[in-house]
Amino acid sequence: AAEEDDYIVAQANAPLKADGHFEETRVLARSKGGEVELVPAEDIGYMDVSPRQMVSVATSLIPFLEHDDANRALMGANMQRQAVPLLRSDSPVVGTGMEGFAAIDAGDVVTAKRSGVVIEVSADVVAVQTDEGGIDEYFLRKFDRSNQGTSYNQRVIVSAGERIEAGEVIADGPATENGVLALGKNLLVAFMTWEGHNFEDA
């Protein structure tokens, strides 16, 4: 991170032309020393990959992060690491768009290596007739014990006869639902006053 101080780095969402050059002659960037200012486009050495790269994966899963108290966001990011896999978890009602990437990159979901048609489905195996003519078999882990003593279970989410594409999720992992990260259950919660007190002074 300290090496960035020697370069001028543009934001990831700076508008670009079709040929990859900046649309504007002056671009908002982090200059040498970390100050954010408008600099000439030709002086820029690097560009961020994504606006999300400034936070961790766990932090990027918190909706409306910029409106949260810093201590609460830190607590939420740390508590996600402590989530225990459930047999039936729910994907979040309000997400950030990173849930699918987190599920696939974690390696707990099973993705199709090649495109084709599902020809056989059982609790612990999925067979796919590929477009190239071969058969890909995917073996699932069923109720294995994890290193933390929790249940590691994978569930098929495709049906026989269904067409799948390469990279598509065909089986959920221990903390996913339909290929999306699902760390817990969605609860319906109601707040009401009690003898004149609200939640701030309860």
N, C-alpha and C. Protein backbone atom coordinates (compact mmCIF):
# COMPACT_ATOMS: atom_id res chain seq x y z
N ALA A 1 0.83 -1.20 0.00
CA ALA A 1 0.00 0.00 0.00
C ALA A 1 0.86 1.25 0.00
N ALA A 2 2.01 1.20 0.68
CA ALA A 2 2.88 2.38 0.74
C ALA A 2 3.47 2.70 -0.63
N GLU A 3 3.59 1.70 -1.49
CA GLU A 3 4.15 1.94 -2.82
C GLU A 3 3.25 2.83 -3.67
N GLU A 4 1.94 2.84 -3.37
CA GLU A 4 1.00 3.66 -4.14
C GLU A 4 1.29 5.14 -3.99
N ASP A 5 1.92 5.53 -2.89
CA ASP A 5 2.19 6.94 -2.65
C ASP A 5 3.13 7.54 -3.69
N ASP A 6 3.85 6.70 -4.42
CA ASP A 6 4.80 7.19 -5.42
C ASP A 6 4.16 7.36 -6.80
N TYR A 7 2.88 7.00 -6.93
CA TYR A 7 2.23 7.05 -8.24
C TYR A 7 0.93 7.84 -8.17
N ILE A 8 0.47 8.24 -9.35
CA ILE A 8 -0.84 8.90 -9.47
C ILE A 8 -1.83 7.84 -9.95
N VAL A 9 -2.87 7.61 -9.14
CA VAL A 9 -3.81 6.51 -9.40
C VAL A 9 -5.21 7.07 -9.61
N ALA A 10 -5.82 6.77 -10.76
CA ALA A 10 -7.18 7.22 -11.07
C ALA A 10 -8.19 6.29 -10.44
N GLN A 11 -9.42 6.80 -10.26
CA GLN A 11 -10.50 5.98 -9.71
C GLN A 11 -10.96 4.96 -10.75
N ALA A 12 -11.54 3.87 -10.27
CA ALA A 12 -12.00 2.81 -11.17
C ALA A 12 -13.19 3.24 -12.02
N ASN A 13 -13.98 4.19 -11.52
CA ASN A 13 -15.18 4.59 -12.25
C ASN A 13 -14.96 5.84 -13.11
N ALA A 14 -13.71 6.20 -13.38
CA ALA A 14 -13.44 7.33 -14.28
C ALA A 14 -13.87 6.92 -15.69
N PRO A 15 -14.66 7.77 -16.39
CA PRO A 15 -15.17 7.38 -17.71
C PRO A 15 -14.04 7.24 -18.74
N LEU A 16 -14.13 6.17 -19.55
CA LEU A 16 -13.12 5.88 -20.57
C LEU A 16 -13.74 5.87 -21.96
N LYS A 17 -12.91 6.19 -22.96
CA LYS A 17 -13.33 6.08 -24.35
C LYS A 17 -13.23 4.61 -24.78
N ALA A 18 -13.69 4.31 -25.99
CA ALA A 18 -13.64 2.94 -26.51
C ALA A 18 -12.21 2.45 -26.65
N ASP A 19 -11.26 3.36 -26.90
CA ASP A 19 -9.86 2.95 -27.07
C ASP A 19 -9.11 2.85 -25.75
N GLY A 20 -9.80 3.08 -24.62
CA GLY A 20 -9.18 2.93 -23.31
C GLY A 20 -8.61 4.20 -22.72
N HIS A 21 -8.64 5.31 -23.46
CA HIS A 21 -8.14 6.58 -22.93
C HIS A 21 -9.25 7.29 -22.15
N PHE A 22 -8.85 8.19 -21.25
CA PHE A 22 -9.83 8.93 -20.45
C PHE A 22 -10.63 9.89 -21.31
N GLU A 23 -11.93 10.02 -21.00
CA GLU A 23 -12.79 10.95 -21.73
C GLU A 23 -12.45 12.39 -21.40
N GLU A 24 -12.14 12.65 -20.13
CA GLU A 24 -11.86 14.02 -19.69
C GLU A 24 -10.36 14.30 -19.77
N THR A 25 -10.03 15.58 -19.93
CA THR A 25 -8.61 15.96 -19.96
C THR A 25 -8.03 16.01 -18.55
N ARG A 26 -8.89 16.29 -17.55
CA ARG A 26 -8.45 16.27 -16.15
C ARG A 26 -9.30 15.24 -15.41
N VAL A 27 -8.63 14.38 -14.63
CA VAL A 27 -9.28 13.24 -14.00
C VAL A 27 -9.04 13.29 -12.50
N LEU A 28 -10.10 12.96 -11.73
CA LEU A 28 -9.98 12.88 -10.27
C LEU A 28 -9.14 11.66 -9.91
N ALA A 29 -8.05 11.89 -9.17
CA ALA A 29 -7.13 10.79 -8.86
C ALA A 29 -6.44 11.04 -7.53
N ARG A 30 -5.82 9.96 -6.99
CA ARG A 30 -4.96 10.08 -5.81
C ARG A 30 -3.57 10.44 -6.30
N SER A 31 -3.13 11.63 -5.95
CA SER A 31 -1.80 12.06 -6.39
C SER A 31 -0.75 11.56 -5.42
N LYS A 32 0.51 11.88 -5.68
CA LYS A 32 1.61 11.44 -4.82
C LYS A 32 1.42 12.03 -3.43
N GLY A 33 1.46 11.16 -2.43
CA GLY A 33 1.22 11.60 -1.06
C GLY A 33 -0.18 11.27 -0.59
N GLY A 34 -1.04 10.79 -1.50
CA GLY A 34 -2.38 10.37 -1.11
C GLY A 34 -3.46 11.41 -1.21
N GLU A 35 -3.13 12.63 -1.67
CA GLU A 35 -4.14 13.68 -1.81
C GLU A 35 -5.01 13.41 -3.04
N VAL A 36 -6.32 13.65 -2.90
CA VAL A 36 -7.25 13.47 -4.02
C VAL A 36 -7.45 14.80 -4.71
N GLU A 37 -7.16 14.85 -6.01
CA GLU A 37 -7.29 16.10 -6.76
C GLU A 37 -7.44 15.81 -8.24
N LEU A 38 -7.82 16.85 -9.00
CA LEU A 38 -7.92 16.73 -10.45
C LEU A 38 -6.53 16.87 -11.05
N VAL A 39 -6.12 15.89 -11.85
CA VAL A 39 -4.79 15.92 -12.47
C VAL A 39 -4.95 15.71 -13.97
N PRO A 40 -3.99 16.18 -14.77
CA PRO A 40 -4.06 15.94 -16.22
C PRO A 40 -4.05 14.44 -16.52
N ALA A 41 -4.85 14.03 -17.48
CA ALA A 41 -5.00 12.60 -17.80
C ALA A 41 -3.68 11.96 -18.18
N GLU A 42 -2.80 12.70 -18.85
CA GLU A 42 -1.53 12.11 -19.30
C GLU A 42 -0.55 11.84 -18.15
N ASP A 43 -0.82 12.42 -16.96
CA ASP A 43 0.07 12.21 -15.81
C ASP A 43 -0.28 10.95 -15.01
N ILE A 44 -1.41 10.33 -15.32
CA ILE A 44 -1.88 9.18 -14.53
C ILE A 44 -1.10 7.92 -14.92
N GLY A 45 -0.60 7.22 -13.90
CA GLY A 45 0.18 6.02 -14.14
C GLY A 45 -0.62 4.74 -13.99
N TYR A 46 -1.59 4.75 -13.06
CA TYR A 46 -2.37 3.54 -12.78
C TYR A 46 -3.83 3.90 -12.57
N MET A 47 -4.67 2.86 -12.56
CA MET A 47 -6.10 3.04 -12.34
C MET A 47 -6.60 1.90 -11.46
N ASP A 48 -7.48 2.20 -10.50
CA ASP A 48 -8.05 1.16 -9.65
C ASP A 48 -8.84 0.17 -10.51
N VAL A 49 -8.88 -1.09 -10.07
CA VAL A 49 -9.63 -2.12 -10.80
C VAL A 49 -11.12 -1.97 -10.54
N SER A 50 -11.48 -1.74 -9.27
CA SER A 50 -12.89 -1.65 -8.88
C SER A 50 -13.01 -0.73 -7.68
N PRO A 51 -14.12 0.02 -7.57
CA PRO A 51 -14.31 0.85 -6.37
C PRO A 51 -14.41 0.01 -5.11
N ARG A 52 -14.74 -1.29 -5.26
CA ARG A 52 -14.90 -2.15 -4.09
C ARG A 52 -13.56 -2.65 -3.55
N GLN A 53 -12.46 -2.43 -4.27
CA GLN A 53 -11.19 -3.01 -3.83
C GLN A 53 -10.64 -2.32 -2.60
N MET A 54 -11.23 -1.21 -2.20
CA MET A 54 -10.73 -0.52 -1.00
C MET A 54 -11.23 -1.17 0.29
N VAL A 55 -12.18 -2.10 0.19
CA VAL A 55 -12.69 -2.79 1.38
C VAL A 55 -12.54 -4.30 1.19
N SER A 56 -12.61 -5.05 2.29
CA SER A 56 -12.49 -6.51 2.22
C SER A 56 -13.76 -7.13 1.65
N VAL A 57 -13.71 -8.43 1.38
CA VAL A 57 -14.88 -9.15 0.86
C VAL A 57 -16.02 -9.06 1.86
N ALA A 58 -15.72 -9.32 3.14
CA ALA A 58 -16.77 -9.28 4.17
C ALA A 58 -17.39 -7.89 4.27
N THR A 59 -16.56 -6.85 4.21
CA THR A 59 -17.07 -5.48 4.30
C THR A 59 -17.90 -5.13 3.07
N SER A 60 -17.52 -5.64 1.90
CA SER A 60 -18.26 -5.33 0.67
C SER A 60 -19.64 -5.99 0.65
N LEU A 61 -19.91 -6.90 1.58
CA LEU A 61 -21.22 -7.56 1.66
C LEU A 61 -22.20 -6.78 2.53
N ILE A 62 -21.76 -5.67 3.14
CA ILE A 62 -22.63 -4.88 4.01
C ILE A 62 -23.33 -3.82 3.16
N PRO A 63 -24.67 -3.86 3.06
CA PRO A 63 -25.38 -2.87 2.24
C PRO A 63 -25.27 -1.47 2.84
N PHE A 64 -25.19 -0.47 1.97
CA PHE A 64 -25.15 0.94 2.36
C PHE A 64 -24.05 1.20 3.38
N LEU A 65 -22.87 0.67 3.10
CA LEU A 65 -21.73 0.77 4.02
C LEU A 65 -21.41 2.21 4.37
N GLU A 66 -21.52 3.11 3.39
CA GLU A 66 -21.14 4.51 3.62
C GLU A 66 -22.07 5.22 4.60
N HIS A 67 -23.24 4.62 4.88
CA HIS A 67 -24.19 5.23 5.81
C HIS A 67 -24.16 4.57 7.19
N ASP A 68 -23.28 3.59 7.37
CA ASP A 68 -23.21 2.88 8.65
C ASP A 68 -22.17 3.50 9.57
N ASP A 69 -22.43 3.42 10.86
CA ASP A 69 -21.43 3.81 11.85
C ASP A 69 -20.21 2.90 11.69
N ALA A 70 -19.02 3.47 11.79
CA ALA A 70 -17.79 2.70 11.54
C ALA A 70 -17.66 1.50 12.47
N ASN A 71 -18.00 1.68 13.75
CA ASN A 71 -17.88 0.57 14.70
C ASN A 71 -18.86 -0.56 14.37
N ARG A 72 -20.06 -0.20 13.92
CA ARG A 72 -21.05 -1.22 13.57
C ARG A 72 -20.62 -1.97 12.31
N ALA A 73 -20.07 -1.24 11.34
CA ALA A 73 -19.61 -1.90 10.11
C ALA A 73 -18.46 -2.86 10.41
N LEU A 74 -17.55 -2.44 11.27
CA LEU A 74 -16.43 -3.31 11.66
C LEU A 74 -16.94 -4.57 12.36
N MET A 75 -17.91 -4.37 13.25
CA MET A 75 -18.49 -5.51 13.97
C MET A 75 -19.20 -6.46 12.99
N GLY A 76 -19.94 -5.91 12.04
CA GLY A 76 -20.65 -6.73 11.06
C GLY A 76 -19.70 -7.52 10.17
N ALA A 77 -18.61 -6.89 9.75
CA ALA A 77 -17.64 -7.58 8.91
C ALA A 77 -16.97 -8.72 9.66
N ASN A 78 -16.63 -8.49 10.93
CA ASN A 78 -15.98 -9.53 11.72
C ASN A 78 -16.94 -10.68 12.05
N MET A 79 -18.21 -10.35 12.29
CA MET A 79 -19.17 -11.40 12.67
C MET A 79 -19.50 -12.32 11.50
N GLN A 80 -19.35 -11.85 10.27
CA GLN A 80 -19.60 -12.72 9.12
C GLN A 80 -18.61 -13.89 9.09
N ARG A 81 -17.41 -13.67 9.60
CA ARG A 81 -16.42 -14.75 9.64
C ARG A 81 -16.81 -15.83 10.64
N GLN A 82 -17.69 -15.49 11.58
CA GLN A 82 -18.07 -16.42 12.64
C GLN A 82 -19.36 -17.16 12.32
N ALA A 83 -19.92 -16.95 11.14
CA ALA A 83 -21.20 -17.58 10.80
C ALA A 83 -21.04 -19.10 10.72
N VAL A 84 -22.01 -19.81 11.28
CA VAL A 84 -22.02 -21.27 11.27
C VAL A 84 -22.93 -21.73 10.13
N PRO A 85 -22.49 -22.70 9.31
CA PRO A 85 -23.34 -23.17 8.20
C PRO A 85 -24.67 -23.74 8.70
N LEU A 86 -25.75 -23.36 8.05
CA LEU A 86 -27.08 -23.86 8.39
C LEU A 86 -27.51 -24.90 7.36
N LEU A 87 -28.44 -25.77 7.75
CA LEU A 87 -28.97 -26.74 6.79
C LEU A 87 -29.80 -26.04 5.73
N ARG A 88 -30.56 -25.02 6.13
CA ARG A 88 -31.37 -24.25 5.19
C ARG A 88 -31.17 -22.77 5.46
N SER A 89 -30.25 -22.16 4.75
CA SER A 89 -29.97 -20.74 4.94
C SER A 89 -30.69 -19.91 3.88
N ASP A 90 -30.86 -18.62 4.16
CA ASP A 90 -31.53 -17.70 3.24
C ASP A 90 -30.53 -16.70 2.69
N SER A 91 -30.61 -16.43 1.38
CA SER A 91 -29.80 -15.35 0.82
C SER A 91 -30.40 -14.03 1.27
N PRO A 92 -29.60 -12.97 1.38
CA PRO A 92 -30.12 -11.70 1.91
C PRO A 92 -31.17 -11.07 1.00
N VAL A 93 -32.18 -10.45 1.63
CA VAL A 93 -33.21 -9.74 0.87
C VAL A 93 -32.59 -8.51 0.22
N VAL A 94 -31.75 -7.80 0.97
CA VAL A 94 -31.03 -6.63 0.46
C VAL A 94 -29.56 -7.00 0.37
N GLY A 95 -29.00 -6.99 -0.81
CA GLY A 95 -27.60 -7.34 -1.00
C GLY A 95 -26.83 -6.23 -1.66
N THR A 96 -25.55 -6.49 -1.91
CA THR A 96 -24.69 -5.49 -2.54
C THR A 96 -24.27 -5.89 -3.95
N GLY A 97 -24.56 -7.14 -4.34
CA GLY A 97 -24.13 -7.63 -5.64
C GLY A 97 -22.86 -8.46 -5.57
N MET A 98 -22.23 -8.49 -4.41
CA MET A 98 -20.99 -9.26 -4.23
C MET A 98 -21.26 -10.68 -3.75
N GLU A 99 -22.50 -10.99 -3.37
CA GLU A 99 -22.81 -12.29 -2.77
C GLU A 99 -22.51 -13.46 -3.70
N GLY A 100 -22.81 -13.31 -4.98
CA GLY A 100 -22.55 -14.38 -5.94
C GLY A 100 -21.06 -14.60 -6.15
N PHE A 101 -20.30 -13.50 -6.26
CA PHE A 101 -18.84 -13.61 -6.44
C PHE A 101 -18.20 -14.27 -5.22
N ALA A 102 -18.65 -13.87 -4.03
CA ALA A 102 -18.08 -14.42 -2.79
C ALA A 102 -18.35 -15.92 -2.70
N ALA A 103 -19.54 -16.35 -3.10
CA ALA A 103 -19.89 -17.78 -3.04
C ALA A 103 -19.03 -18.60 -3.99
N ILE A 104 -18.86 -18.11 -5.21
CA ILE A 104 -18.07 -18.86 -6.20
C ILE A 104 -16.59 -18.84 -5.85
N ASP A 105 -16.07 -17.67 -5.47
CA ASP A 105 -14.64 -17.56 -5.17
C ASP A 105 -14.25 -18.33 -3.91
N ALA A 106 -15.20 -18.56 -3.01
CA ALA A 106 -14.90 -19.33 -1.80
C ALA A 106 -14.65 -20.79 -2.13
N GLY A 107 -15.16 -21.25 -3.27
CA GLY A 107 -14.92 -22.63 -3.70
C GLY A 107 -15.85 -23.65 -3.09
N ASP A 108 -16.88 -23.22 -2.38
CA ASP A 108 -17.80 -24.17 -1.75
C ASP A 108 -18.92 -24.61 -2.69
N VAL A 109 -19.23 -23.81 -3.71
CA VAL A 109 -20.25 -24.22 -4.68
C VAL A 109 -19.59 -25.01 -5.80
N VAL A 110 -20.38 -25.85 -6.47
CA VAL A 110 -19.86 -26.63 -7.59
C VAL A 110 -20.30 -25.95 -8.88
N THR A 111 -19.34 -25.62 -9.74
CA THR A 111 -19.65 -24.96 -11.01
C THR A 111 -19.33 -25.90 -12.17
N ALA A 112 -20.07 -25.71 -13.26
CA ALA A 112 -19.89 -26.56 -14.44
C ALA A 112 -18.58 -26.21 -15.15
N LYS A 113 -17.80 -27.23 -15.47
CA LYS A 113 -16.54 -27.02 -16.20
C LYS A 113 -16.81 -26.73 -17.67
N ARG A 114 -17.83 -27.44 -18.22
CA ARG A 114 -18.16 -27.27 -19.64
C ARG A 114 -19.68 -27.17 -19.81
N SER A 115 -20.11 -26.54 -20.89
CA SER A 115 -21.54 -26.42 -21.18
C SER A 115 -22.11 -27.76 -21.62
N GLY A 116 -23.41 -27.95 -21.35
CA GLY A 116 -24.05 -29.19 -21.76
C GLY A 116 -25.43 -29.34 -21.16
N VAL A 117 -25.93 -30.58 -21.14
CA VAL A 117 -27.26 -30.89 -20.62
C VAL A 117 -27.12 -31.89 -19.48
N VAL A 118 -27.82 -31.62 -18.38
CA VAL A 118 -27.78 -32.52 -17.22
C VAL A 118 -28.53 -33.80 -17.58
N ILE A 119 -27.87 -34.95 -17.44
CA ILE A 119 -28.52 -36.22 -17.79
C ILE A 119 -28.82 -37.07 -16.56
N GLU A 120 -28.16 -36.79 -15.45
CA GLU A 120 -28.41 -37.58 -14.23
C GLU A 120 -28.20 -36.71 -13.01
N VAL A 121 -29.14 -36.81 -12.06
CA VAL A 121 -29.04 -36.06 -10.81
C VAL A 121 -29.40 -36.98 -9.66
N SER A 122 -28.54 -37.03 -8.66
CA SER A 122 -28.87 -37.72 -7.41
C SER A 122 -28.35 -36.84 -6.27
N ALA A 123 -28.48 -37.31 -5.05
CA ALA A 123 -28.09 -36.50 -3.90
C ALA A 123 -26.60 -36.20 -3.89
N ASP A 124 -25.78 -37.10 -4.44
CA ASP A 124 -24.34 -36.92 -4.32
C ASP A 124 -23.57 -36.90 -5.64
N VAL A 125 -24.28 -36.91 -6.77
CA VAL A 125 -23.58 -36.84 -8.06
C VAL A 125 -24.46 -36.16 -9.10
N VAL A 126 -23.82 -35.40 -9.99
CA VAL A 126 -24.49 -34.77 -11.13
C VAL A 126 -23.70 -35.13 -12.37
N ALA A 127 -24.37 -35.66 -13.39
CA ALA A 127 -23.71 -36.02 -14.66
C ALA A 127 -24.21 -35.08 -15.75
N VAL A 128 -23.27 -34.55 -16.53
CA VAL A 128 -23.60 -33.60 -17.59
C VAL A 128 -23.07 -34.12 -18.92
N GLN A 129 -23.96 -34.22 -19.92
CA GLN A 129 -23.55 -34.55 -21.29
C GLN A 129 -23.07 -33.26 -21.92
N THR A 130 -21.77 -33.16 -22.19
CA THR A 130 -21.20 -31.90 -22.67
C THR A 130 -21.45 -31.71 -24.16
N ASP A 131 -21.33 -30.47 -24.61
CA ASP A 131 -21.51 -30.17 -26.03
C ASP A 131 -20.43 -30.83 -26.88
N GLU A 132 -19.27 -31.11 -26.28
CA GLU A 132 -18.18 -31.75 -27.02
C GLU A 132 -18.39 -33.26 -27.17
N GLY A 133 -19.36 -33.82 -26.43
CA GLY A 133 -19.67 -35.23 -26.55
C GLY A 133 -19.30 -36.08 -25.36
N GLY A 134 -18.51 -35.56 -24.44
CA GLY A 134 -18.13 -36.33 -23.26
C GLY A 134 -19.14 -36.18 -22.13
N ILE A 135 -18.88 -36.87 -21.03
CA ILE A 135 -19.74 -36.78 -19.85
C ILE A 135 -18.89 -36.31 -18.67
N ASP A 136 -19.32 -35.20 -18.06
CA ASP A 136 -18.66 -34.69 -16.85
C ASP A 136 -19.47 -35.12 -15.64
N GLU A 137 -18.80 -35.73 -14.66
CA GLU A 137 -19.47 -36.11 -13.42
C GLU A 137 -18.95 -35.25 -12.28
N TYR A 138 -19.87 -34.76 -11.47
CA TYR A 138 -19.53 -33.92 -10.33
C TYR A 138 -20.00 -34.63 -9.06
N PHE A 139 -19.06 -34.96 -8.19
CA PHE A 139 -19.38 -35.66 -6.95
C PHE A 139 -19.48 -34.66 -5.81
N LEU A 140 -20.58 -34.73 -5.05
CA LEU A 140 -20.85 -33.76 -3.99
C LEU A 140 -20.49 -34.33 -2.63
N ARG A 141 -20.18 -33.42 -1.72
CA ARG A 141 -19.91 -33.81 -0.33
C ARG A 141 -21.22 -33.74 0.45
N LYS A 142 -21.55 -34.82 1.13
CA LYS A 142 -22.82 -34.89 1.87
C LYS A 142 -22.56 -35.03 3.37
N PHE A 143 -22.94 -34.01 4.11
CA PHE A 143 -22.89 -34.00 5.58
C PHE A 143 -21.53 -34.43 6.13
N ASP A 144 -20.49 -33.91 5.51
CA ASP A 144 -19.14 -34.16 6.02
C ASP A 144 -18.89 -33.29 7.25
N ARG A 145 -17.92 -33.70 8.04
CA ARG A 145 -17.53 -32.90 9.20
C ARG A 145 -16.45 -31.93 8.76
N SER A 146 -16.64 -30.64 9.08
CA SER A 146 -15.62 -29.65 8.74
C SER A 146 -14.56 -29.62 9.84
N ASN A 147 -13.48 -28.88 9.61
CA ASN A 147 -12.42 -28.76 10.61
C ASN A 147 -12.92 -28.08 11.88
N GLN A 148 -13.97 -27.29 11.76
CA GLN A 148 -14.53 -26.59 12.92
C GLN A 148 -15.62 -27.41 13.61
N GLY A 149 -15.86 -28.62 13.14
CA GLY A 149 -16.87 -29.47 13.75
C GLY A 149 -18.28 -29.15 13.31
N THR A 150 -18.44 -28.41 12.20
CA THR A 150 -19.77 -28.11 11.68
C THR A 150 -20.07 -29.03 10.49
N SER A 151 -21.29 -28.96 10.00
CA SER A 151 -21.71 -29.82 8.89
C SER A 151 -21.38 -29.18 7.55
N TYR A 152 -20.70 -29.92 6.69
CA TYR A 152 -20.38 -29.45 5.34
C TYR A 152 -21.23 -30.26 4.36
N ASN A 153 -22.20 -29.59 3.74
CA ASN A 153 -23.14 -30.29 2.88
C ASN A 153 -23.33 -29.52 1.58
N GLN A 154 -23.34 -30.22 0.46
CA GLN A 154 -23.61 -29.61 -0.84
C GLN A 154 -24.92 -30.16 -1.39
N ARG A 155 -25.74 -29.26 -1.99
CA ARG A 155 -27.07 -29.61 -2.49
C ARG A 155 -27.19 -29.28 -3.98
N VAL A 156 -27.74 -30.20 -4.74
CA VAL A 156 -27.93 -29.99 -6.18
C VAL A 156 -29.02 -28.95 -6.41
N ILE A 157 -28.79 -28.03 -7.35
CA ILE A 157 -29.81 -27.01 -7.66
C ILE A 157 -30.21 -27.06 -9.14
N VAL A 158 -29.83 -28.13 -9.85
CA VAL A 158 -30.24 -28.30 -11.25
C VAL A 158 -31.08 -29.57 -11.37
N SER A 159 -31.78 -29.70 -12.48
CA SER A 159 -32.63 -30.87 -12.71
C SER A 159 -32.18 -31.60 -13.97
N ALA A 160 -32.52 -32.88 -14.06
CA ALA A 160 -32.20 -33.66 -15.26
C ALA A 160 -32.91 -33.06 -16.47
N GLY A 161 -32.20 -32.93 -17.58
CA GLY A 161 -32.75 -32.34 -18.79
C GLY A 161 -32.50 -30.85 -18.90
N GLU A 162 -32.00 -30.25 -17.85
CA GLU A 162 -31.75 -28.80 -17.85
C GLU A 162 -30.43 -28.49 -18.55
N ARG A 163 -30.42 -27.42 -19.34
CA ARG A 163 -29.19 -26.99 -20.02
C ARG A 163 -28.41 -26.06 -19.10
N ILE A 164 -27.11 -26.30 -19.01
CA ILE A 164 -26.26 -25.44 -18.18
C ILE A 164 -25.08 -24.95 -19.02
N GLU A 165 -24.56 -23.80 -18.63
CA GLU A 165 -23.41 -23.22 -19.31
C GLU A 165 -22.17 -23.35 -18.45
N ALA A 166 -21.01 -23.27 -19.07
CA ALA A 166 -19.74 -23.37 -18.34
C ALA A 166 -19.67 -22.25 -17.30
N GLY A 167 -19.28 -22.60 -16.09
CA GLY A 167 -19.17 -21.63 -15.01
C GLY A 167 -20.44 -21.45 -14.20
N GLU A 168 -21.54 -22.05 -14.66
CA GLU A 168 -22.82 -21.93 -13.94
C GLU A 168 -22.81 -22.82 -12.70
N VAL A 169 -23.43 -22.33 -11.62
CA VAL A 169 -23.48 -23.08 -10.37
C VAL A 169 -24.48 -24.22 -10.51
N ILE A 170 -24.03 -25.45 -10.19
CA ILE A 170 -24.93 -26.61 -10.29
C ILE A 170 -25.23 -27.21 -8.92
N ALA A 171 -24.46 -26.82 -7.89
CA ALA A 171 -24.73 -27.33 -6.54
C ALA A 171 -24.32 -26.28 -5.52
N ASP A 172 -25.20 -26.06 -4.54
CA ASP A 172 -24.92 -25.11 -3.46
C ASP A 172 -23.97 -25.70 -2.45
N GLY A 173 -23.25 -24.83 -1.76
CA GLY A 173 -22.36 -25.23 -0.68
C GLY A 173 -23.03 -25.07 0.67
N PRO A 174 -22.25 -25.12 1.75
CA PRO A 174 -22.83 -25.10 3.10
C PRO A 174 -23.39 -23.74 3.53
N ALA A 175 -23.08 -22.67 2.86
CA ALA A 175 -23.60 -21.36 3.25
C ALA A 175 -24.02 -20.56 2.02
N THR A 176 -24.68 -21.25 1.08
CA THR A 176 -25.15 -20.58 -0.12
C THR A 176 -26.58 -21.01 -0.44
N GLU A 177 -27.26 -20.16 -1.21
CA GLU A 177 -28.61 -20.49 -1.70
C GLU A 177 -28.69 -20.05 -3.15
N ASN A 178 -28.90 -21.00 -4.05
CA ASN A 178 -28.95 -20.73 -5.48
C ASN A 178 -27.72 -19.99 -5.98
N GLY A 179 -26.55 -20.41 -5.48
CA GLY A 179 -25.30 -19.83 -5.94
C GLY A 179 -24.94 -18.49 -5.34
N VAL A 180 -25.70 -18.06 -4.34
CA VAL A 180 -25.46 -16.76 -3.69
C VAL A 180 -25.15 -17.00 -2.22
N LEU A 181 -24.19 -16.25 -1.69
CA LEU A 181 -23.80 -16.40 -0.29
C LEU A 181 -25.01 -16.20 0.62
N ALA A 182 -25.24 -17.12 1.53
CA ALA A 182 -26.38 -17.06 2.46
C ALA A 182 -25.89 -17.50 3.83
N LEU A 183 -25.53 -16.54 4.66
CA LEU A 183 -24.90 -16.85 5.95
C LEU A 183 -25.89 -17.10 7.07
N GLY A 184 -27.16 -16.76 6.89
CA GLY A 184 -28.11 -16.92 7.99
C GLY A 184 -29.54 -17.02 7.49
N LYS A 185 -30.47 -16.64 8.37
CA LYS A 185 -31.90 -16.65 8.04
C LYS A 185 -32.42 -15.22 8.03
N ASN A 186 -33.39 -14.97 7.15
CA ASN A 186 -34.04 -13.66 7.12
C ASN A 186 -35.16 -13.65 8.17
N LEU A 187 -35.11 -12.68 9.06
CA LEU A 187 -36.10 -12.56 10.12
C LEU A 187 -36.99 -11.35 9.87
N LEU A 188 -38.27 -11.47 10.22
CA LEU A 188 -39.18 -10.34 10.18
C LEU A 188 -39.23 -9.75 11.58
N VAL A 189 -38.73 -8.53 11.73
CA VAL A 189 -38.60 -7.90 13.05
C VAL A 189 -39.44 -6.63 13.08
N ALA A 190 -40.17 -6.42 14.19
CA ALA A 190 -40.97 -5.21 14.36
C ALA A 190 -40.51 -4.47 15.61
N PHE A 191 -40.40 -3.14 15.52
CA PHE A 191 -40.09 -2.31 16.67
C PHE A 191 -41.35 -1.58 17.09
N MET A 192 -41.57 -1.46 18.38
CA MET A 192 -42.71 -0.68 18.86
C MET A 192 -42.32 0.00 20.16
N THR A 193 -43.00 1.07 20.47
CA THR A 193 -42.71 1.78 21.72
C THR A 193 -43.23 0.97 22.90
N TRP A 194 -42.59 1.14 24.05
CA TRP A 194 -43.00 0.45 25.28
C TRP A 194 -43.02 1.48 26.40
N GLU A 195 -44.23 1.82 26.84
CA GLU A 195 -44.44 2.82 27.88
C GLU A 195 -43.74 4.13 27.54
N GLY A 196 -43.82 4.51 26.26
CA GLY A 196 -43.26 5.78 25.84
C GLY A 196 -41.81 5.73 25.43
N HIS A 197 -41.12 4.63 25.69
CA HIS A 197 -39.71 4.52 25.31
C HIS A 197 -39.60 3.94 23.91
N ASN A 198 -38.62 4.44 23.14
CA ASN A 198 -38.35 3.80 21.85
C ASN A 198 -37.02 3.04 21.95
N PHE A 199 -36.53 2.54 20.82
CA PHE A 199 -35.34 1.67 20.90
C PHE A 199 -34.09 2.44 21.32
N GLU A 200 -34.07 3.79 21.15
CA GLU A 200 -32.88 4.55 21.51
C GLU A 200 -32.69 4.65 23.02
N ASP A 201 -33.79 4.68 23.77
CA ASP A 201 -33.63 4.81 25.23
C ASP A 201 -34.21 3.61 25.97
N ALA A 202 -34.31 2.48 25.30
CA ALA A 202 -34.79 1.28 25.97
C ALA A 202 -33.71 0.72 26.90
